[in-house]
């Protein structure tokens, strides 16, 4: 199974289009969105081509291939205009013989993890800063970075999981980082 993992579109039609162009090239089975899909939030500047209604139109045709979790900027009002669920605070996946807990990161994150076993994986967005590390508690922490508002000089990016390997890629497809289970 091939998965694309992305976070923090924040209503940017410009970067959502680029993500979906990458989706077409990558041909994953599913796209996991780690929250903050439509709204930019009060702490962020408006992203390029901020147009939540356009993002809805862009993502809706993929509703059967999306798995979404709720970010701190996602609300029940957003759910009313979307054809796919976004209000679950997390999802649990089983990849490469490991349990993967995917959430936005505003509740469960590297500092305040959910109950995890050694070698389990926690994947977040929220900080807009890509990361991969083994924690003191023995689980692996990953951050997908941000599609539309990257921080700390990081790239506009997404992740791919395939054949027991995670790749962080900029929206053009260039590999930025690799982690193999």
Protein backbone atom coordinates (compact mmCIF):
# COMPACT_ATOMS: atom_id res chain seq x y z
CA UNK A 1 0.00 0.00 0.00
CA UNK A 2 1.21 3.45 -0.89
CA UNK A 3 0.09 6.41 1.25
CA UNK A 4 0.50 10.15 0.79
CA UNK A 5 0.48 12.10 4.06
CA UNK A 6 0.06 15.88 4.19
CA UNK A 7 -0.89 18.54 6.68
CA UNK A 8 -1.88 22.16 7.01
CA UNK A 9 -3.36 23.17 3.66
CA UNK A 10 -5.02 26.11 5.50
CA UNK A 11 -7.39 26.98 2.67
CA UNK A 12 -4.70 27.62 0.05
CA UNK A 13 -6.08 26.67 -3.37
CA UNK A 14 -2.63 27.40 -4.85
CA UNK A 15 -0.83 24.82 -2.71
CA UNK A 16 -3.75 22.38 -2.69
CA UNK A 17 -3.52 22.23 -6.49
CA UNK A 18 0.20 21.51 -6.24
CA UNK A 19 -0.48 18.77 -3.67
CA UNK A 20 -3.07 17.21 -5.97
CA UNK A 21 -0.66 17.42 -8.92
CA UNK A 22 1.80 15.46 -6.78
CA UNK A 23 -1.02 13.07 -5.84
CA UNK A 24 -1.62 12.35 -9.53
CA UNK A 25 2.09 11.70 -10.12
CA UNK A 26 2.58 9.59 -6.97
CA UNK A 27 -0.60 7.53 -7.45
CA UNK A 28 -1.05 6.58 -3.77
CA UNK A 29 -3.89 4.38 -2.56
CA UNK A 30 -4.95 6.96 0.04
CA UNK A 31 -4.23 10.57 0.99
CA UNK A 32 -4.06 11.15 4.74
CA UNK A 33 -4.69 14.78 5.67
CA UNK A 34 -3.49 15.67 9.16
CA UNK A 35 -5.84 18.60 9.73
CA UNK A 36 -6.13 22.35 9.22
CA UNK A 37 -7.66 21.92 5.80
CA UNK A 38 -9.79 25.02 5.15
CA UNK A 39 -9.10 27.79 7.67
CA UNK A 40 -5.80 29.67 8.01
CA UNK A 41 -6.12 30.30 11.77
CA UNK A 42 -5.52 33.53 13.68
CA UNK A 43 -1.78 32.91 14.17
CA UNK A 44 -0.98 32.46 10.48
CA UNK A 45 -0.86 34.95 7.66
CA UNK A 46 -3.19 34.24 4.77
CA UNK A 47 -1.60 31.61 2.52
CA UNK A 48 -1.25 32.17 -1.20
CA UNK A 49 -4.63 32.09 -3.02
CA UNK A 50 -6.58 31.63 0.20
CA UNK A 51 -9.87 30.17 -1.04
CA UNK A 52 -11.47 27.54 1.23
CA UNK A 53 -14.38 27.08 -1.21
CA UNK A 54 -11.94 26.23 -3.99
CA UNK A 55 -10.10 23.77 -1.71
CA UNK A 56 -13.45 22.07 -1.06
CA UNK A 57 -14.00 21.72 -4.83
CA UNK A 58 -10.48 20.37 -5.32
CA UNK A 59 -10.64 17.75 -2.56
CA UNK A 60 -14.25 16.57 -2.94
CA UNK A 61 -13.61 14.34 -6.00
CA UNK A 62 -11.10 12.40 -3.86
CA UNK A 63 -13.51 11.79 -0.97
CA UNK A 64 -13.27 7.99 -1.28
CA UNK A 65 -9.43 8.16 -1.11
CA UNK A 66 -9.13 10.59 1.81
CA UNK A 67 -8.50 9.85 5.47
CA UNK A 68 -8.63 13.06 7.51
CA UNK A 69 -8.08 13.99 11.13
CA UNK A 70 -9.18 17.16 12.86
CA UNK A 71 -6.76 20.02 13.28
CA UNK A 72 -7.06 22.90 15.71
CA UNK A 73 -8.44 25.10 12.89
CA UNK A 74 -11.05 22.55 11.70
CA UNK A 75 -14.62 22.94 12.99
CA UNK A 76 -18.09 21.47 12.75
CA UNK A 77 -18.95 24.29 10.34
CA UNK A 78 -16.20 23.04 8.02
CA UNK A 79 -17.63 19.53 8.22
CA UNK A 80 -21.01 20.84 7.05
CA UNK A 81 -19.54 21.84 3.67
CA UNK A 82 -17.33 18.78 3.10
CA UNK A 83 -18.36 15.41 1.66
CA UNK A 84 -15.75 13.51 3.70
CA UNK A 85 -15.24 13.28 7.48
CA UNK A 86 -12.65 15.52 9.14
CA UNK A 87 -13.66 15.62 12.80
CA UNK A 88 -11.94 12.50 14.15
CA UNK A 89 -9.06 13.59 16.39
CA UNK A 90 -6.83 10.75 15.19
CA UNK A 91 -6.58 7.61 13.09
CA UNK A 92 -4.69 4.41 13.76
CA UNK A 93 -2.92 2.59 10.95
CA UNK A 94 -0.88 -0.59 10.86
CA UNK A 95 2.11 -0.19 8.54
CA UNK A 96 5.17 -2.33 8.23
CA UNK A 97 4.25 -4.33 11.33
CA UNK A 98 3.97 -1.17 13.44
CA UNK A 99 1.13 0.79 14.92
CA UNK A 100 0.95 4.32 13.52
CA UNK A 101 -1.03 6.95 15.40
CA UNK A 102 -1.78 9.91 13.12
CA UNK A 103 -3.15 13.15 14.57
CA UNK A 104 -2.83 16.85 13.91
CA UNK A 105 -0.50 17.43 16.85
CA UNK A 106 -2.27 20.09 18.90
CA UNK A 107 -3.42 17.51 21.47
CA UNK A 108 -1.16 14.48 21.05
CA UNK A 109 2.40 15.24 19.99
CA UNK A 110 6.02 14.42 20.78
CA UNK A 111 5.80 16.08 24.22
CA UNK A 112 2.34 14.73 25.09
CA UNK A 113 2.00 11.44 23.21
CA UNK A 114 -0.92 9.04 23.29
CA UNK A 115 -0.22 5.64 24.87
CA UNK A 116 2.38 4.16 22.52
CA UNK A 117 4.64 1.13 22.66
CA UNK A 118 8.32 1.04 21.80
CA UNK A 119 8.79 1.34 18.00
CA UNK A 120 5.23 2.63 17.42
CA UNK A 121 5.02 5.74 15.23
CA UNK A 122 3.34 9.07 15.96
CA UNK A 123 2.77 11.28 12.90
CA UNK A 124 1.70 14.93 13.28
CA UNK A 125 1.47 18.19 11.40
CA UNK A 126 0.53 21.36 13.37
CA UNK A 127 4.03 22.83 13.89
CA UNK A 128 4.59 23.21 10.12
CA UNK A 129 8.14 21.92 10.70
CA UNK A 130 9.13 18.50 9.30
CA UNK A 131 10.83 16.13 11.71
CA UNK A 132 11.78 12.51 12.27
CA UNK A 133 13.34 11.18 15.45
CA UNK A 134 13.24 8.38 17.99
CA UNK A 135 12.01 9.68 21.32
CA UNK A 136 13.30 8.92 24.81
CA UNK A 137 10.15 6.81 25.28
CA UNK A 138 11.19 4.58 22.36
CA UNK A 139 8.53 5.55 19.83
CA UNK A 140 9.28 7.18 16.50
CA UNK A 141 8.01 10.71 15.97
CA UNK A 142 7.41 12.17 12.52
CA UNK A 143 6.07 15.52 11.41
CA UNK A 144 4.84 15.99 7.84
CA UNK A 145 5.58 19.71 7.77
CA UNK A 146 3.10 21.94 5.95
CA UNK A 147 1.67 22.05 2.45
CA UNK A 148 0.96 25.80 2.45
CA UNK A 149 2.67 27.59 5.35
CA UNK A 150 6.01 25.93 6.11
CA UNK A 151 8.01 27.30 9.03
CA UNK A 152 11.66 27.43 10.09
CA UNK A 153 12.90 27.60 6.48
CA UNK A 154 11.32 24.26 5.56
CA UNK A 155 9.78 23.48 2.17
CA UNK A 156 6.13 23.18 1.08
CA UNK A 157 5.91 19.41 1.43
CA UNK A 158 4.19 16.08 1.97
CA UNK A 159 5.19 12.53 2.92
CA UNK A 160 4.97 9.21 1.09
CA UNK A 161 4.90 5.79 2.76
CA UNK A 162 5.69 2.79 0.58
CA UNK A 163 7.69 -0.44 1.00
CA UNK A 164 8.48 0.28 4.69
CA UNK A 165 9.98 3.67 3.81
CA UNK A 166 8.79 7.18 4.60
CA UNK A 167 9.84 9.97 2.25
CA UNK A 168 9.42 13.70 2.82
CA UNK A 169 9.06 15.42 -0.54
CA UNK A 170 8.68 19.01 -1.62
CA UNK A 171 5.59 19.62 -3.75
CA UNK A 172 7.65 19.25 -6.94
CA UNK A 173 8.50 15.69 -5.89
CA UNK A 174 12.14 16.21 -4.87
CA UNK A 175 13.03 13.95 -1.92
CA UNK A 176 14.02 15.94 1.16
CA UNK A 177 14.37 13.17 3.76
CA UNK A 178 14.07 9.38 4.03
CA UNK A 179 13.33 7.02 6.93
CA UNK A 180 13.13 3.25 6.55
CA UNK A 181 11.51 1.03 9.17
